[in-house]
C-alpha cells in the first residue's frame, strides 16, 4: 500500500467538512486524513492504486488545492 502526501489549502475543520464527501466517495473514509494544524495543511491518502493527479483533481473539485509532495510505502 502507498501513502500519498500533499500540501493543501484546507485550513480548518469547516474546510475538512466541505472536502470530506468528495474524499470519502473517491477514497473511502479512513483512507485519508488532513492535518490542518500543520503549517503545510498536510493531506495523506492511502491506497493500492491511487494516483497523485487523481487526488489533486478530487480536492480541486471540492474547491481546494493540493500539491503532491511525496509518496511513502506503508
C-alpha atoms as a PDB file:
ATOM      1  CA  UNK A   1       0.000   0.000   0.000  1.00  0.00           C
ATOM      2  CA  UNK A   2       1.160   3.535  -0.629  1.00  0.00           C
ATOM      3  CA  UNK A   3       0.611   6.782   1.204  1.00  0.00           C
ATOM      4  CA  UNK A   4       0.480   9.943  -0.924  1.00  0.00           C
ATOM      5  CA  UNK A   5       1.244  13.205   0.865  1.00  0.00           C
ATOM      6  CA  UNK A   6       0.057  16.637  -0.298  1.00  0.00           C
ATOM      7  CA  UNK A   7       0.365  20.257   0.777  1.00  0.00           C
ATOM      8  CA  UNK A   8      -3.114  21.840   0.696  1.00  0.00           C
ATOM      9  CA  UNK A   9      -5.059  24.979   1.492  1.00  0.00           C
ATOM     10  CA  UNK A  10      -7.562  23.070   3.681  1.00  0.00           C
ATOM     11  CA  UNK A  11      -7.309  25.432   6.666  1.00  0.00           C
ATOM     12  CA  UNK A  12      -9.890  24.425   9.275  1.00  0.00           C
ATOM     13  CA  UNK A  13     -12.493  21.974  10.455  1.00  0.00           C
ATOM     14  CA  UNK A  14     -15.094  23.629   8.223  1.00  0.00           C
ATOM     15  CA  UNK A  15     -12.855  23.099   5.209  1.00  0.00           C
ATOM     16  CA  UNK A  16     -12.375  19.441   6.170  1.00  0.00           C
ATOM     17  CA  UNK A  17     -16.159  19.075   6.427  1.00  0.00           C
ATOM     18  CA  UNK A  18     -16.524  20.516   2.921  1.00  0.00           C
ATOM     19  CA  UNK A  19     -13.934  18.209   1.347  1.00  0.00           C
ATOM     20  CA  UNK A  20     -14.997  15.074   3.285  1.00  0.00           C
ATOM     21  CA  UNK A  21     -17.823  13.912   0.962  1.00  0.00           C
ATOM     22  CA  UNK A  22     -15.550  14.212  -2.075  1.00  0.00           C
ATOM     23  CA  UNK A  23     -12.656  12.293  -0.491  1.00  0.00           C
ATOM     24  CA  UNK A  24     -14.931   9.660   1.081  1.00  0.00           C
ATOM     25  CA  UNK A  25     -16.639   8.983  -2.241  1.00  0.00           C
ATOM     26  CA  UNK A  26     -13.377   8.546  -4.108  1.00  0.00           C
ATOM     27  CA  UNK A  27     -11.037   7.037  -1.498  1.00  0.00           C
ATOM     28  CA  UNK A  28     -13.336   5.705   1.285  1.00  0.00           C
ATOM     29  CA  UNK A  29     -13.488   7.019   4.851  1.00  0.00           C
ATOM     30  CA  UNK A  30     -10.480   6.009   6.915  1.00  0.00           C
ATOM     31  CA  UNK A  31      -8.082   6.073   3.950  1.00  0.00           C
ATOM     32  CA  UNK A  32      -7.313   9.777   4.165  1.00  0.00           C
ATOM     33  CA  UNK A  33      -6.673  12.468   6.753  1.00  0.00           C
ATOM     34  CA  UNK A  34      -5.933  16.193   6.846  1.00  0.00           C
ATOM     35  CA  UNK A  35      -3.643  17.787   9.418  1.00  0.00           C
ATOM     36  CA  UNK A  36      -4.793  21.412   9.175  1.00  0.00           C
ATOM     37  CA  UNK A  37      -2.743  22.298  12.279  1.00  0.00           C
ATOM     38  CA  UNK A  38       0.427  21.603  10.280  1.00  0.00           C
ATOM     39  CA  UNK A  39       1.624  24.810   8.542  1.00  0.00           C
ATOM     40  CA  UNK A  40       1.526  22.945   5.197  1.00  0.00           C
ATOM     41  CA  UNK A  41      -2.050  21.666   5.835  1.00  0.00           C
ATOM     42  CA  UNK A  42      -0.989  18.093   5.036  1.00  0.00           C
ATOM     43  CA  UNK A  43      -3.390  15.673   3.338  1.00  0.00           C
ATOM     44  CA  UNK A  44      -2.455  11.980   3.369  1.00  0.00           C
ATOM     45  CA  UNK A  45      -4.297   9.453   1.208  1.00  0.00           C
ATOM     46  CA  UNK A  46      -3.643   5.706   1.473  1.00  0.00           C
ATOM     47  CA  UNK A  47      -4.450   3.098  -1.160  1.00  0.00           C
ATOM     48  CA  UNK A  48      -3.141   0.496  -3.560  1.00  0.00           C
ATOM     49  CA  UNK A  49      -3.667   2.068  -6.969  1.00  0.00           C
ATOM     50  CA  UNK A  50      -4.243   5.776  -6.347  1.00  0.00           C
ATOM     51  CA  UNK A  51      -2.580   8.463  -8.440  1.00  0.00           C
ATOM     52  CA  UNK A  52      -1.448  11.883  -7.234  1.00  0.00           C
ATOM     53  CA  UNK A  53      -3.256  13.542 -10.141  1.00  0.00           C
ATOM     54  CA  UNK A  54      -6.487  11.798  -9.124  1.00  0.00           C
ATOM     55  CA  UNK A  55      -6.245  13.138  -5.563  1.00  0.00           C
ATOM     56  CA  UNK A  56      -5.438  16.641  -6.813  1.00  0.00           C
ATOM     57  CA  UNK A  57      -8.499  16.548  -9.111  1.00  0.00           C
ATOM     58  CA  UNK A  58     -10.853  15.447  -6.311  1.00  0.00           C
ATOM     59  CA  UNK A  59      -9.557  18.141  -3.951  1.00  0.00           C
ATOM     60  CA  UNK A  60      -9.910  20.744  -6.712  1.00  0.00           C
ATOM     61  CA  UNK A  61     -13.491  19.596  -7.359  1.00  0.00           C
ATOM     62  CA  UNK A  62     -14.197  20.297  -3.664  1.00  0.00           C
ATOM     63  CA  UNK A  63     -12.846  23.843  -4.106  1.00  0.00           C
ATOM     64  CA  UNK A  64      -9.359  23.440  -2.647  1.00  0.00           C
ATOM     65  CA  UNK A  65      -5.791  22.984  -3.862  1.00  0.00           C
ATOM     66  CA  UNK A  66      -3.477  20.033  -3.275  1.00  0.00           C
ATOM     67  CA  UNK A  67       0.187  19.921  -4.270  1.00  0.00           C
ATOM     68  CA  UNK A  68       1.847  16.499  -4.343  1.00  0.00           C
ATOM     69  CA  UNK A  69       4.878  16.304  -2.031  1.00  0.00           C
ATOM     70  CA  UNK A  70       5.900  12.646  -1.899  1.00  0.00           C
ATOM     71  CA  UNK A  71       4.865   9.015  -1.810  1.00  0.00           C
ATOM     72  CA  UNK A  72       5.674   6.608   1.021  1.00  0.00           C
ATOM     73  CA  UNK A  73       5.250   2.851   1.258  1.00  0.00           C
ATOM     74  CA  UNK A  74       3.041   1.707   4.109  1.00  0.00           C
END
